Amino acid sequence: MPYYMLQARLTTDSWKALLDNPHDRAPVVAKVIEAHGGKLHNYFFAFGDNDVVALIEAPDNESVMAAALAFAGTGAVSGLKTTPLVPSRDAVDVFKASAAKAGAYVPPSG
């Protein structure tokens, strides 16, 4: 199954709810991912532009999009981003295919 990284910011209400009732969100997130045929590998809280990052596997783009909409539709998160990921072992085949066809591209010149 393809891998994806989901990133989001929690709303003020979500932060307040976690402070009022501290608990692990990973099982809740996993349940939604699994309902869409996927698997949650890791769920992280993060510093920076995003508050949470999840690494998942999903059957296809439509499945991961449906799961992301399930999260976003609650209003508990904002700025949800979904990034397809390519495992390093699979990227080698991509590098080889690109190298074989690299001469087809001619860069702009002045």
PDB file of N, CA and C in Angstrom:
ATOM      1  N   MET A   1       0.853  -1.186   0.000  1.00  0.00           N
ATOM      2  CA  MET A   1       0.000   0.000   0.000  1.00  0.00           C
ATOM      3  C   MET A   1       0.888   1.235   0.000  1.00  0.00           C
ATOM      4  N   PRO A   2       0.450   2.294  -0.649  1.00  0.00           N
ATOM      5  CA  PRO A   2       1.206   3.550  -0.640  1.00  0.00           C
ATOM      6  C   PRO A   2       1.249   4.179   0.758  1.00  0.00           C
ATOM      7  N   TYR A   3       2.306   4.936   0.994  1.00  0.00           N
ATOM      8  CA  TYR A   3       2.496   5.645   2.255  1.00  0.00           C
ATOM      9  C   TYR A   3       2.135   7.115   2.080  1.00  0.00           C
ATOM     10  N   TYR A   4       1.674   7.716   3.167  1.00  0.00           N
ATOM     11  CA  TYR A   4       1.305   9.129   3.170  1.00  0.00           C
ATOM     12  C   TYR A   4       1.697   9.754   4.501  1.00  0.00           C
ATOM     13  N   MET A   5       1.954  11.055   4.451  1.00  0.00           N
ATOM     14  CA  MET A   5       2.147  11.842   5.663  1.00  0.00           C
ATOM     15  C   MET A   5       0.983  12.826   5.747  1.00  0.00           C
ATOM     16  N   LEU A   6       0.256  12.782   6.860  1.00  0.00           N
ATOM     17  CA  LEU A   6      -0.802  13.759   7.123  1.00  0.00           C
ATOM     18  C   LEU A   6      -0.272  14.748   8.148  1.00  0.00           C
ATOM     19  N   GLN A   7      -0.486  16.023   7.888  1.00  0.00           N
ATOM     20  CA  GLN A   7      -0.068  17.083   8.809  1.00  0.00           C
ATOM     21  C   GLN A   7      -1.242  18.012   9.040  1.00  0.00           C
ATOM     22  N   ALA A   8      -1.368  18.499  10.276  1.00  0.00           N
ATOM     23  CA  ALA A   8      -2.484  19.405  10.577  1.00  0.00           C
ATOM     24  C   ALA A   8      -2.158  20.268  11.790  1.00  0.00           C
ATOM     25  N   ARG A   9      -2.932  21.320  11.906  1.00  0.00           N
ATOM     26  CA  ARG A   9      -2.899  22.172  13.092  1.00  0.00           C
ATOM     27  C   ARG A   9      -4.169  21.906  13.885  1.00  0.00           C
ATOM     28  N   LEU A  10      -4.043  21.822  15.191  1.00  0.00           N
ATOM     29  CA  LEU A  10      -5.212  21.655  16.044  1.00  0.00           C
ATOM     30  C   LEU A  10      -5.851  23.015  16.296  1.00  0.00           C
ATOM     31  N   THR A  11      -7.156  23.027  16.393  1.00  0.00           N
ATOM     32  CA  THR A  11      -7.854  24.269  16.708  1.00  0.00           C
ATOM     33  C   THR A  11      -7.703  24.576  18.192  1.00  0.00           C
ATOM     34  N   THR A  12      -8.032  25.788  18.574  1.00  0.00           N
ATOM     35  CA  THR A  12      -7.985  26.182  19.984  1.00  0.00           C
ATOM     36  C   THR A  12      -8.891  25.283  20.818  1.00  0.00           C
ATOM     37  N   ASP A  13     -10.062  24.958  20.294  1.00  0.00           N
ATOM     38  CA  ASP A  13     -10.982  24.069  21.019  1.00  0.00           C
ATOM     39  C   ASP A  13     -10.367  22.684  21.215  1.00  0.00           C
ATOM     40  N   SER A  14      -9.653  22.189  20.222  1.00  0.00           N
ATOM     41  CA  SER A  14      -9.012  20.872  20.356  1.00  0.00           C
ATOM     42  C   SER A  14      -7.927  20.899  21.428  1.00  0.00           C
ATOM     43  N   TRP A  15      -7.122  21.962  21.433  1.00  0.00           N
ATOM     44  CA  TRP A  15      -6.092  22.085  22.476  1.00  0.00           C
ATOM     45  C   TRP A  15      -6.728  22.148  23.859  1.00  0.00           C
ATOM     46  N   LYS A  16      -7.793  22.928  23.976  1.00  0.00           N
ATOM     47  CA  LYS A  16      -8.466  23.039  25.274  1.00  0.00           C
ATOM     48  C   LYS A  16      -8.996  21.681  25.716  1.00  0.00           C
ATOM     49  N   ALA A  17      -9.601  20.942  24.804  1.00  0.00           N
ATOM     50  CA  ALA A  17     -10.138  19.626  25.141  1.00  0.00           C
ATOM     51  C   ALA A  17      -9.028  18.678  25.602  1.00  0.00           C
ATOM     52  N   LEU A  18      -7.856  18.751  24.959  1.00  0.00           N
ATOM     53  CA  LEU A  18      -6.739  17.892  25.368  1.00  0.00           C
ATOM     54  C   LEU A  18      -6.177  18.289  26.723  1.00  0.00           C
ATOM     55  N   LEU A  19      -6.210  19.572  27.031  1.00  0.00           N
ATOM     56  CA  LEU A  19      -5.750  20.011  28.345  1.00  0.00           C
ATOM     57  C   LEU A  19      -6.757  19.641  29.432  1.00  0.00           C
ATOM     58  N   ASP A  20      -8.038  19.732  29.107  1.00  0.00           N
ATOM     59  CA  ASP A  20      -9.082  19.356  30.069  1.00  0.00           C
ATOM     60  C   ASP A  20      -9.140  17.841  30.285  1.00  0.00           C
ATOM     61  N   ASN A  21      -8.816  17.077  29.243  1.00  0.00           N
ATOM     62  CA  ASN A  21      -8.883  15.617  29.298  1.00  0.00           C
ATOM     63  C   ASN A  21      -7.712  15.023  28.518  1.00  0.00           C
ATOM     64  N   PRO A  22      -6.503  15.050  29.112  1.00  0.00           N
ATOM     65  CA  PRO A  22      -5.329  14.530  28.404  1.00  0.00           C
ATOM     66  C   PRO A  22      -5.500  13.045  28.066  1.00  0.00           C
ATOM     67  N   HIS A  23      -5.274  12.715  26.787  1.00  0.00           N
ATOM     68  CA  HIS A  23      -5.360  11.328  26.362  1.00  0.00           C
ATOM     69  C   HIS A  23      -4.636  11.154  25.028  1.00  0.00           C
ATOM     70  N   ASP A  24      -4.324   9.904  24.732  1.00  0.00           N
ATOM     71  CA  ASP A  24      -3.604   9.559  23.506  1.00  0.00           C
ATOM     72  C   ASP A  24      -4.578   9.579  22.331  1.00  0.00           C
ATOM     73  N   ARG A  25      -4.312  10.397  21.340  1.00  0.00           N
ATOM     74  CA  ARG A  25      -5.178  10.500  20.160  1.00  0.00           C
ATOM     75  C   ARG A  25      -4.883   9.439  19.106  1.00  0.00           C
ATOM     76  N   ALA A  26      -3.743   8.775  19.204  1.00  0.00           N
ATOM     77  CA  ALA A  26      -3.364   7.798  18.178  1.00  0.00           C
ATOM     78  C   ALA A  26      -4.424   6.711  17.965  1.00  0.00           C
ATOM     79  N   PRO A  27      -5.009   6.121  19.016  1.00  0.00           N
ATOM     80  CA  PRO A  27      -6.023   5.090  18.766  1.00  0.00           C
ATOM     81  C   PRO A  27      -7.256   5.623  18.026  1.00  0.00           C
ATOM     82  N   VAL A  28      -7.618   6.866  18.290  1.00  0.00           N
ATOM     83  CA  VAL A  28      -8.769   7.476  17.612  1.00  0.00           C
ATOM     84  C   VAL A  28      -8.448   7.693  16.137  1.00  0.00           C
ATOM     85  N   VAL A  29      -7.258   8.200  15.875  1.00  0.00           N
ATOM     86  CA  VAL A  29      -6.812   8.426  14.499  1.00  0.00           C
ATOM     87  C   VAL A  29      -6.694   7.095  13.760  1.00  0.00           C
ATOM     88  N   ALA A  30      -6.125   6.093  14.430  1.00  0.00           N
ATOM     89  CA  ALA A  30      -5.967   4.770  13.815  1.00  0.00           C
ATOM     90  C   ALA A  30      -7.317   4.188  13.406  1.00  0.00           C
ATOM     91  N   LYS A  31      -8.318   4.381  14.238  1.00  0.00           N
ATOM     92  CA  LYS A  31      -9.648   3.835  13.942  1.00  0.00           C
ATOM     93  C   LYS A  31     -10.201   4.414  12.637  1.00  0.00           C
ATOM     94  N   VAL A  32     -10.016   5.709  12.426  1.00  0.00           N
ATOM     95  CA  VAL A  32     -10.496   6.352  11.195  1.00  0.00           C
ATOM     96  C   VAL A  32      -9.703   5.850   9.990  1.00  0.00           C
ATOM     97  N   ILE A  33      -8.389   5.780  10.135  1.00  0.00           N
ATOM     98  CA  ILE A  33      -7.538   5.296   9.038  1.00  0.00           C
ATOM     99  C   ILE A  33      -7.920   3.859   8.681  1.00  0.00           C
ATOM    100  N   GLU A  34      -8.098   3.020   9.683  1.00  0.00           N
ATOM    101  CA  GLU A  34      -8.457   1.615   9.447  1.00  0.00           C
ATOM    102  C   GLU A  34      -9.834   1.485   8.798  1.00  0.00           C
ATOM    103  N   ALA A  35     -10.761   2.361   9.165  1.00  0.00           N
ATOM    104  CA  ALA A  35     -12.094   2.335   8.555  1.00  0.00           C
ATOM    105  C   ALA A  35     -12.035   2.617   7.057  1.00  0.00           C
ATOM    106  N   HIS A  36     -10.958   3.266   6.616  1.00  0.00           N
ATOM    107  CA  HIS A  36     -10.768   3.567   5.198  1.00  0.00           C
ATOM    108  C   HIS A  36      -9.767   2.606   4.549  1.00  0.00           C
ATOM    109  N   GLY A  37      -9.505   1.483   5.207  1.00  0.00           N
ATOM    110  CA  GLY A  37      -8.649   0.454   4.634  1.00  0.00           C
ATOM    111  C   GLY A  37      -7.169   0.648   4.843  1.00  0.00           C
ATOM    112  N   GLY A  38      -6.788   1.613   5.687  1.00  0.00           N
ATOM    113  CA  GLY A  38      -5.379   1.919   5.874  1.00  0.00           C
ATOM    114  C   GLY A  38      -4.826   1.466   7.206  1.00  0.00           C
ATOM    115  N   LYS A  39      -3.600   1.897   7.476  1.00  0.00           N
ATOM    116  CA  LYS A  39      -2.908   1.545   8.709  1.00  0.00           C
ATOM    117  C   LYS A  39      -2.128   2.757   9.207  1.00  0.00           C
ATOM    118  N   LEU A  40      -2.303   3.092  10.470  1.00  0.00           N
ATOM    119  CA  LEU A  40      -1.522   4.160  11.096  1.00  0.00           C
ATOM    120  C   LEU A  40      -0.207   3.569  11.583  1.00  0.00           C
ATOM    121  N   HIS A  41       0.913   4.129  11.126  1.00  0.00           N
ATOM    122  CA  HIS A  41       2.223   3.662  11.580  1.00  0.00           C
ATOM    123  C   HIS A  41       2.723   4.481  12.762  1.00  0.00           C
ATOM    124  N   ASN A  42       2.545   5.791  12.701  1.00  0.00           N
ATOM    125  CA  ASN A  42       2.994   6.670  13.784  1.00  0.00           C
ATOM    126  C   ASN A  42       2.130   7.914  13.830  1.00  0.00           C
ATOM    127  N   TYR A  43       1.954   8.433  15.018  1.00  0.00           N
ATOM    128  CA  TYR A  43       1.214   9.681  15.231  1.00  0.00           C
ATOM    129  C   TYR A  43       2.064  10.520  16.170  1.00  0.00           C
ATOM    130  N   PHE A  44       2.422  11.707  15.721  1.00  0.00           N
ATOM    131  CA  PHE A  44       3.331  12.565  16.474  1.00  0.00           C
ATOM    132  C   PHE A  44       2.702  13.927  16.750  1.00  0.00           C
ATOM    133  N   PHE A  45       3.037  14.510  17.887  1.00  0.00           N
ATOM    134  CA  PHE A  45       2.829  15.937  18.098  1.00  0.00           C
ATOM    135  C   PHE A  45       4.124  16.610  17.674  1.00  0.00           C
ATOM    136  N   ALA A  46       4.032  17.808  17.102  1.00  0.00           N
ATOM    137  CA  ALA A  46       5.201  18.437  16.504  1.00  0.00           C
ATOM    138  C   ALA A  46       5.280  19.918  16.862  1.00  0.00           C
ATOM    139  N   PHE A  47       6.482  20.450  16.781  1.00  0.00           N
ATOM    140  CA  PHE A  47       6.710  21.886  16.897  1.00  0.00           C
ATOM    141  C   PHE A  47       6.717  22.465  15.493  1.00  0.00           C
ATOM    142  N   GLY A  48       6.417  23.741  15.351  1.00  0.00           N
ATOM    143  CA  GLY A  48       6.501  24.370  14.041  1.00  0.00           C
ATOM    144  C   GLY A  48       5.141  24.657  13.440  1.00  0.00           C
ATOM    145  N   ASP A  49       5.061  24.585  12.128  1.00  0.00           N
ATOM    146  CA  ASP A  49       3.842  24.942  11.409  1.00  0.00           C
ATOM    147  C   ASP A  49       2.693  23.969  11.656  1.00  0.00           C
ATOM    148  N   ASN A  50       3.019  22.730  11.984  1.00  0.00           N
ATOM    149  CA  ASN A  50       1.987  21.719  12.193  1.00  0.00           C
ATOM    150  C   ASN A  50       2.047  21.197  13.619  1.00  0.00           C
ATOM    151  N   ASP A  51       0.879  20.899  14.167  1.00  0.00           N
ATOM    152  CA  ASP A  51       0.802  20.389  15.533  1.00  0.00           C
ATOM    153  C   ASP A  51       0.867  18.875  15.585  1.00  0.00           C
ATOM    154  N   VAL A  52       0.339  18.234  14.544  1.00  0.00           N
ATOM    155  CA  VAL A  52       0.339  16.769  14.496  1.00  0.00           C
ATOM    156  C   VAL A  52       0.804  16.286  13.130  1.00  0.00           C
ATOM    157  N   VAL A  53       1.479  15.146  13.145  1.00  0.00           N
ATOM    158  CA  VAL A  53       1.945  14.488  11.931  1.00  0.00           C
ATOM    159  C   VAL A  53       1.637  13.004  12.082  1.00  0.00           C
ATOM    160  N   ALA A  54       1.013  12.431  11.074  1.00  0.00           N
ATOM    161  CA  ALA A  54       0.718  11.003  11.071  1.00  0.00           C
ATOM    162  C   ALA A  54       1.336  10.362   9.843  1.00  0.00           C
ATOM    163  N   LEU A  55       1.976   9.225  10.034  1.00  0.00           N
ATOM    164  CA  LEU A  55       2.512   8.442   8.930  1.00  0.00           C
ATOM    165  C   LEU A  55       1.604   7.230   8.765  1.00  0.00           C
ATOM    166  N   ILE A  56       1.022   7.111   7.567  1.00  0.00           N
ATOM    167  CA  ILE A  56       0.032   6.060   7.347  1.00  0.00           C
ATOM    168  C   ILE A  56       0.287   5.333   6.035  1.00  0.00           C
ATOM    169  N   GLU A  57      -0.346   4.187   5.910  1.00  0.00           N
ATOM    170  CA  GLU A  57      -0.481   3.491   4.636  1.00  0.00           C
ATOM    171  C   GLU A  57      -1.963   3.513   4.299  1.00  0.00           C
ATOM    172  N   ALA A  58      -2.266   3.666   3.041  1.00  0.00           N
ATOM    173  CA  ALA A  58      -3.658   3.641   2.590  1.00  0.00           C
ATOM    174  C   ALA A  58      -3.708   2.967   1.225  1.00  0.00           C
ATOM    175  N   PRO A  59      -4.840   2.353   0.900  1.00  0.00           N
ATOM    176  CA  PRO A  59      -4.933   1.628  -0.366  1.00  0.00           C
ATOM    177  C   PRO A  59      -4.713   2.499  -1.600  1.00  0.00           C
ATOM    178  N   ASP A  60      -5.157   3.767  -1.526  1.00  0.00           N
ATOM    179  CA  ASP A  60      -5.073   4.632  -2.704  1.00  0.00           C
ATOM    180  C   ASP A  60      -5.339   6.075  -2.281  1.00  0.00           C
ATOM    181  N   ASN A  61      -5.180   6.990  -3.239  1.00  0.00           N
ATOM    182  CA  ASN A  61      -5.385   8.416  -2.956  1.00  0.00           C
ATOM    183  C   ASN A  61      -6.791   8.708  -2.460  1.00  0.00           C
ATOM    184  N   GLU A  62      -7.783   8.034  -3.034  1.00  0.00           N
ATOM    185  CA  GLU A  62      -9.174   8.290  -2.644  1.00  0.00           C
ATOM    186  C   GLU A  62      -9.418   7.903  -1.189  1.00  0.00           C
ATOM    187  N   SER A  63      -8.828   6.802  -0.759  1.00  0.00           N
ATOM    188  CA  SER A  63      -9.005   6.355   0.627  1.00  0.00           C
ATOM    189  C   SER A  63      -8.379   7.326   1.614  1.00  0.00           C
ATOM    190  N   VAL A  64      -7.178   7.782   1.304  1.00  0.00           N
ATOM    191  CA  VAL A  64      -6.521   8.720   2.225  1.00  0.00           C
ATOM    192  C   VAL A  64      -7.234  10.067   2.208  1.00  0.00           C
ATOM    193  N   MET A  65      -7.762  10.448   1.056  1.00  0.00           N
ATOM    194  CA  MET A  65      -8.526  11.696   0.977  1.00  0.00           C
ATOM    195  C   MET A  65      -9.803  11.601   1.808  1.00  0.00           C
ATOM    196  N   ALA A  66     -10.477  10.469   1.736  1.00  0.00           N
ATOM    197  CA  ALA A  66     -11.695  10.277   2.529  1.00  0.00           C
ATOM    198  C   ALA A  66     -11.387  10.333   4.026  1.00  0.00           C
ATOM    199  N   ALA A  67     -10.293   9.721   4.437  1.00  0.00           N
ATOM    200  CA  ALA A  67      -9.905   9.771   5.848  1.00  0.00           C
ATOM    201  C   ALA A  67      -9.573  11.203   6.262  1.00  0.00           C
ATOM    202  N   ALA A  68      -8.833  11.905   5.427  1.00  0.00           N
ATOM    203  CA  ALA A  68      -8.480  13.297   5.730  1.00  0.00           C
ATOM    204  C   ALA A  68      -9.725  14.163   5.857  1.00  0.00           C
ATOM    205  N   LEU A  69     -10.699  13.937   4.979  1.00  0.00           N
ATOM    206  CA  LEU A  69     -11.955  14.691   5.063  1.00  0.00           C
ATOM    207  C   LEU A  69     -12.715  14.380   6.349  1.00  0.00           C
ATOM    208  N   ALA A  70     -12.610  13.129   6.810  1.00  0.00           N
ATOM    209  CA  ALA A  70     -13.257  12.768   8.068  1.00  0.00           C
ATOM    210  C   ALA A  70     -12.676  13.582   9.220  1.00  0.00           C
ATOM    211  N   PHE A  71     -11.360  13.801   9.207  1.00  0.00           N
ATOM    212  CA  PHE A  71     -10.733  14.616  10.253  1.00  0.00           C
ATOM    213  C   PHE A  71     -11.094  16.095  10.086  1.00  0.00           C
ATOM    214  N   ALA A  72     -10.917  16.610   8.888  1.00  0.00           N
ATOM    215  CA  ALA A  72     -11.150  18.031   8.627  1.00  0.00           C
ATOM    216  C   ALA A  72     -12.611  18.412   8.830  1.00  0.00           C
ATOM    217  N   GLY A  73     -13.506  17.505   8.488  1.00  0.00           N
ATOM    218  CA  GLY A  73     -14.930  17.793   8.582  1.00  0.00           C
ATOM    219  C   GLY A  73     -15.441  18.006   9.989  1.00  0.00           C
ATOM    220  N   THR A  74     -14.675  17.575  10.977  1.00  0.00           N
ATOM    221  CA  THR A  74     -15.099  17.776  12.373  1.00  0.00           C
ATOM    222  C   THR A  74     -14.825  19.192  12.852  1.00  0.00           C
ATOM    223  N   GLY A  75     -13.949  19.901  12.146  1.00  0.00           N
ATOM    224  CA  GLY A  75     -13.559  21.236  12.591  1.00  0.00           C
ATOM    225  C   GLY A  75     -12.505  21.214  13.686  1.00  0.00           C
ATOM    226  N   ALA A  76     -12.002  20.035  14.050  1.00  0.00           N
ATOM    227  CA  ALA A  76     -11.013  19.915  15.124  1.00  0.00           C
ATOM    228  C   ALA A  76      -9.600  20.246  14.665  1.00  0.00           C
ATOM    229  N   VAL A  77      -9.386  20.228  13.335  1.00  0.00           N
ATOM    230  CA  VAL A  77      -8.072  20.530  12.775  1.00  0.00           C
ATOM    231  C   VAL A  77      -8.225  21.542  11.648  1.00  0.00           C
ATOM    232  N   SER A  78      -7.128  22.190  11.333  1.00  0.00           N
ATOM    233  CA  SER A  78      -7.113  23.098  10.185  1.00  0.00           C
ATOM    234  C   SER A  78      -5.799  22.893   9.445  1.00  0.00           C
ATOM    235  N   GLY A  79      -5.737  23.428   8.240  1.00  0.00           N
ATOM    236  CA  GLY A  79      -4.501  23.346   7.466  1.00  0.00           C
ATOM    237  C   GLY A  79      -4.044  21.931   7.201  1.00  0.00           C
ATOM    238  N   LEU A  80      -4.990  21.020   7.022  1.00  0.00           N
ATOM    239  CA  LEU A  80      -4.643  19.617   6.802  1.00  0.00           C
ATOM    240  C   LEU A  80      -3.918  19.461   5.469  1.00  0.00           C
ATOM    241  N   LYS A  81      -2.754  18.800   5.512  1.00  0.00           N
ATOM    242  CA  LYS A  81      -1.970  18.525   4.306  1.00  0.00           C
ATOM    243  C   LYS A  81      -1.744  17.029   4.209  1.00  0.00           C
ATOM    244  N   THR A  82      -1.861  16.500   3.006  1.00  0.00           N
ATOM    245  CA  THR A  82      -1.588  15.093   2.741  1.00  0.00           C
ATOM    246  C   THR A  82      -0.471  15.010   1.718  1.00  0.00           C
ATOM    247  N   THR A  83       0.592  14.300   2.073  1.00  0.00           N
ATOM    248  CA  THR A  83       1.754  14.176   1.199  1.00  0.00           C
ATOM    249  C   THR A  83       2.014  12.709   0.880  1.00  0.00           C
ATOM    250  N   PRO A  84       1.963  12.333  -0.399  1.00  0.00           N
ATOM    251  CA  PRO A  84       2.340  10.957  -0.752  1.00  0.00           C
ATOM    252  C   PRO A  84       3.840  10.768  -0.501  1.00  0.00           C
ATOM    253  N   LEU A  85       4.212   9.596  -0.010  1.00  0.00           N
ATOM    254  CA  LEU A  85       5.609   9.287   0.292  1.00  0.00           C
ATOM    255  C   LEU A  85       6.066   8.100  -0.545  1.00  0.00           C
ATOM    256  N   VAL A  86       7.338   8.118  -0.950  1.00  0.00           N
ATOM    257  CA  VAL A  86       7.916   7.015  -1.723  1.00  0.00           C
ATOM    258  C   VAL A  86       9.038   6.400  -0.884  1.00  0.00           C
ATOM    259  N   PRO A  87       8.906   5.128  -0.506  1.00  0.00           N
ATOM    260  CA  PRO A  87       9.979   4.473   0.255  1.00  0.00           C
ATOM    261  C   PRO A  87      11.290   4.486  -0.537  1.00  0.00           C
ATOM    262  N   SER A  88      12.381   4.594   0.157  1.00  0.00           N
ATOM    263  CA  SER A  88      13.699   4.673  -0.470  1.00  0.00           C
ATOM    264  C   SER A  88      13.944   3.507  -1.424  1.00  0.00           C
ATOM    265  N   ARG A  89      13.559   2.304  -1.022  1.00  0.00           N
ATOM    266  CA  ARG A  89      13.801   1.123  -1.877  1.00  0.00           C
ATOM    267  C   ARG A  89      13.052   1.239  -3.202  1.00  0.00           C
ATOM    268  N   ASP A  90      11.865   1.880  -3.188  1.00  0.00           N
ATOM    269  CA  ASP A  90      11.098   2.066  -4.417  1.00  0.00           C
ATOM    270  C   ASP A  90      11.657   3.215  -5.253  1.00  0.00           C
ATOM    271  N   ALA A  91      12.252   4.196  -4.592  1.00  0.00           N
ATOM    272  CA  ALA A  91      12.790   5.351  -5.299  1.00  0.00           C
ATOM    273  C   ALA A  91      13.949   4.965  -6.210  1.00  0.00           C
ATOM    274  N   VAL A  92      14.675   3.902  -5.874  1.00  0.00           N
ATOM    275  CA  VAL A  92      15.802   3.462  -6.706  1.00  0.00           C
ATOM    276  C   VAL A  92      15.315   3.158  -8.121  1.00  0.00           C
ATOM    277  N   ASP A  93      14.170   2.479  -8.239  1.00  0.00           N
ATOM    278  CA  ASP A  93      13.613   2.190  -9.566  1.00  0.00           C
ATOM    279  C   ASP A  93      13.236   3.478 -10.296  1.00  0.00           C
ATOM    280  N   VAL A  94      12.736   4.450  -9.554  1.00  0.00           N
ATOM    281  CA  VAL A  94      12.391   5.738 -10.149  1.00  0.00           C
ATOM    282  C   VAL A  94      13.660   6.433 -10.648  1.00  0.00           C
ATOM    283  N   PHE A  95      14.726   6.394  -9.842  1.00  0.00           N
ATOM    284  CA  PHE A  95      15.993   7.011 -10.252  1.00  0.00           C
ATOM    285  C   PHE A  95      16.507   6.378 -11.542  1.00  0.00           C
ATOM    286  N   LYS A  96      16.432   5.047 -11.615  1.00  0.00           N
ATOM    287  CA  LYS A  96      16.907   4.341 -12.808  1.00  0.00           C
ATOM    288  C   LYS A  96      16.081   4.724 -14.031  1.00  0.00           C
ATOM    289  N   ALA A  97      14.776   4.775 -13.881  1.00  0.00           N
ATOM    290  CA  ALA A  97      13.908   5.141 -15.007  1.00  0.00           C
ATOM    291  C   ALA A  97      14.191   6.571 -15.458  1.00  0.00           C
ATOM    292  N   SER A  98      14.396   7.458 -14.498  1.00  0.00           N
ATOM    293  CA  SER A  98      14.680   8.854 -14.831  1.00  0.00           C
ATOM    294  C   SER A  98      16.032   8.980 -15.528  1.00  0.00           C
ATOM    295  N   ALA A  99      17.029   8.292 -15.022  1.00  0.00           N
ATOM    296  CA  ALA A  99      18.361   8.360 -15.617  1.00  0.00           C
ATOM    297  C   ALA A  99      18.335   7.870 -17.068  1.00  0.00           C
ATOM    298  N   ALA A 100      17.534   6.851 -17.333  1.00  0.00           N
ATOM    299  CA  ALA A 100      17.452   6.298 -18.688  1.00  0.00           C
ATOM    300  C   ALA A 100      16.826   7.275 -19.673  1.00  0.00           C
ATOM    301  N   LYS A 101      16.045   8.216 -19.164  1.00  0.00           N
ATOM    302  CA  LYS A 101      15.318   9.149 -20.037  1.00  0.00           C
ATOM    303  C   LYS A 101      15.753  10.602 -19.831  1.00  0.00           C
ATOM    304  N   ALA A 102      16.781  10.804 -19.034  1.00  0.00           N
ATOM    305  CA  ALA A 102      17.201  12.156 -18.678  1.00  0.00           C
ATOM    306  C   ALA A 102      17.577  13.004 -19.879  1.00  0.00           C
ATOM    307  N   GLY A 103      18.095  12.402 -20.928  1.00  0.00           N
ATOM    308  CA  GLY A 103      18.518  13.152 -22.105  1.00  0.00           C
ATOM    309  C   GLY A 103      17.369  13.743 -22.885  1.00  0.00           C
ATOM    310  N   ALA A 104      16.136  13.329 -22.599  1.00  0.00           N
ATOM    311  CA  ALA A 104      14.979  13.838 -23.340  1.00  0.00           C
ATOM    312  C   ALA A 104      14.630  15.284 -22.950  1.00  0.00           C
ATOM    313  N   TYR A 105      15.093  15.723 -21.807  1.00  0.00           N
ATOM    314  CA  TYR A 105      14.771  17.073 -21.339  1.00  0.00           C
ATOM    315  C   TYR A 105      15.888  18.014 -21.717  1.00  0.00           C
ATOM    316  N   VAL A 106      15.529  19.143 -22.334  1.00  0.00           N
ATOM    317  CA  VAL A 106      16.498  20.181 -22.661  1.00  0.00           C
ATOM    318  C   VAL A 106      16.152  21.412 -21.838  1.00  0.00           C
ATOM    319  N   PRO A 107      17.053  21.852 -20.951  1.00  0.00           N
ATOM    320  CA  PRO A 107      16.744  23.012 -20.107  1.00  0.00           C
ATOM    321  C   PRO A 107      16.667  24.300 -20.931  1.00  0.00           C
ATOM    322  N   PRO A 108      15.953  25.289 -20.427  1.00  0.00           N
ATOM    323  CA  PRO A 108      15.884  26.570 -21.136  1.00  0.00           C
ATOM    324  C   PRO A 108      17.276  27.202 -21.239  1.00  0.00           C
ATOM    325  N   SER A 109      17.480  27.943 -22.278  1.00  0.00           N
ATOM    326  CA  SER A 109      18.760  28.653 -22.416  1.00  0.00           C
ATOM    327  C   SER A 109      18.480  30.091 -22.843  1.00  0.00           C
ATOM    328  N   GLY A 110      19.420  30.935 -22.543  1.00  0.00           N
ATOM    329  CA  GLY A 110      19.225  32.356 -22.815  1.00  0.00           C
ATOM    330  C   GLY A 110      19.795  32.834 -24.078  1.00  0.00           C
TER     331      GLY A 110
END
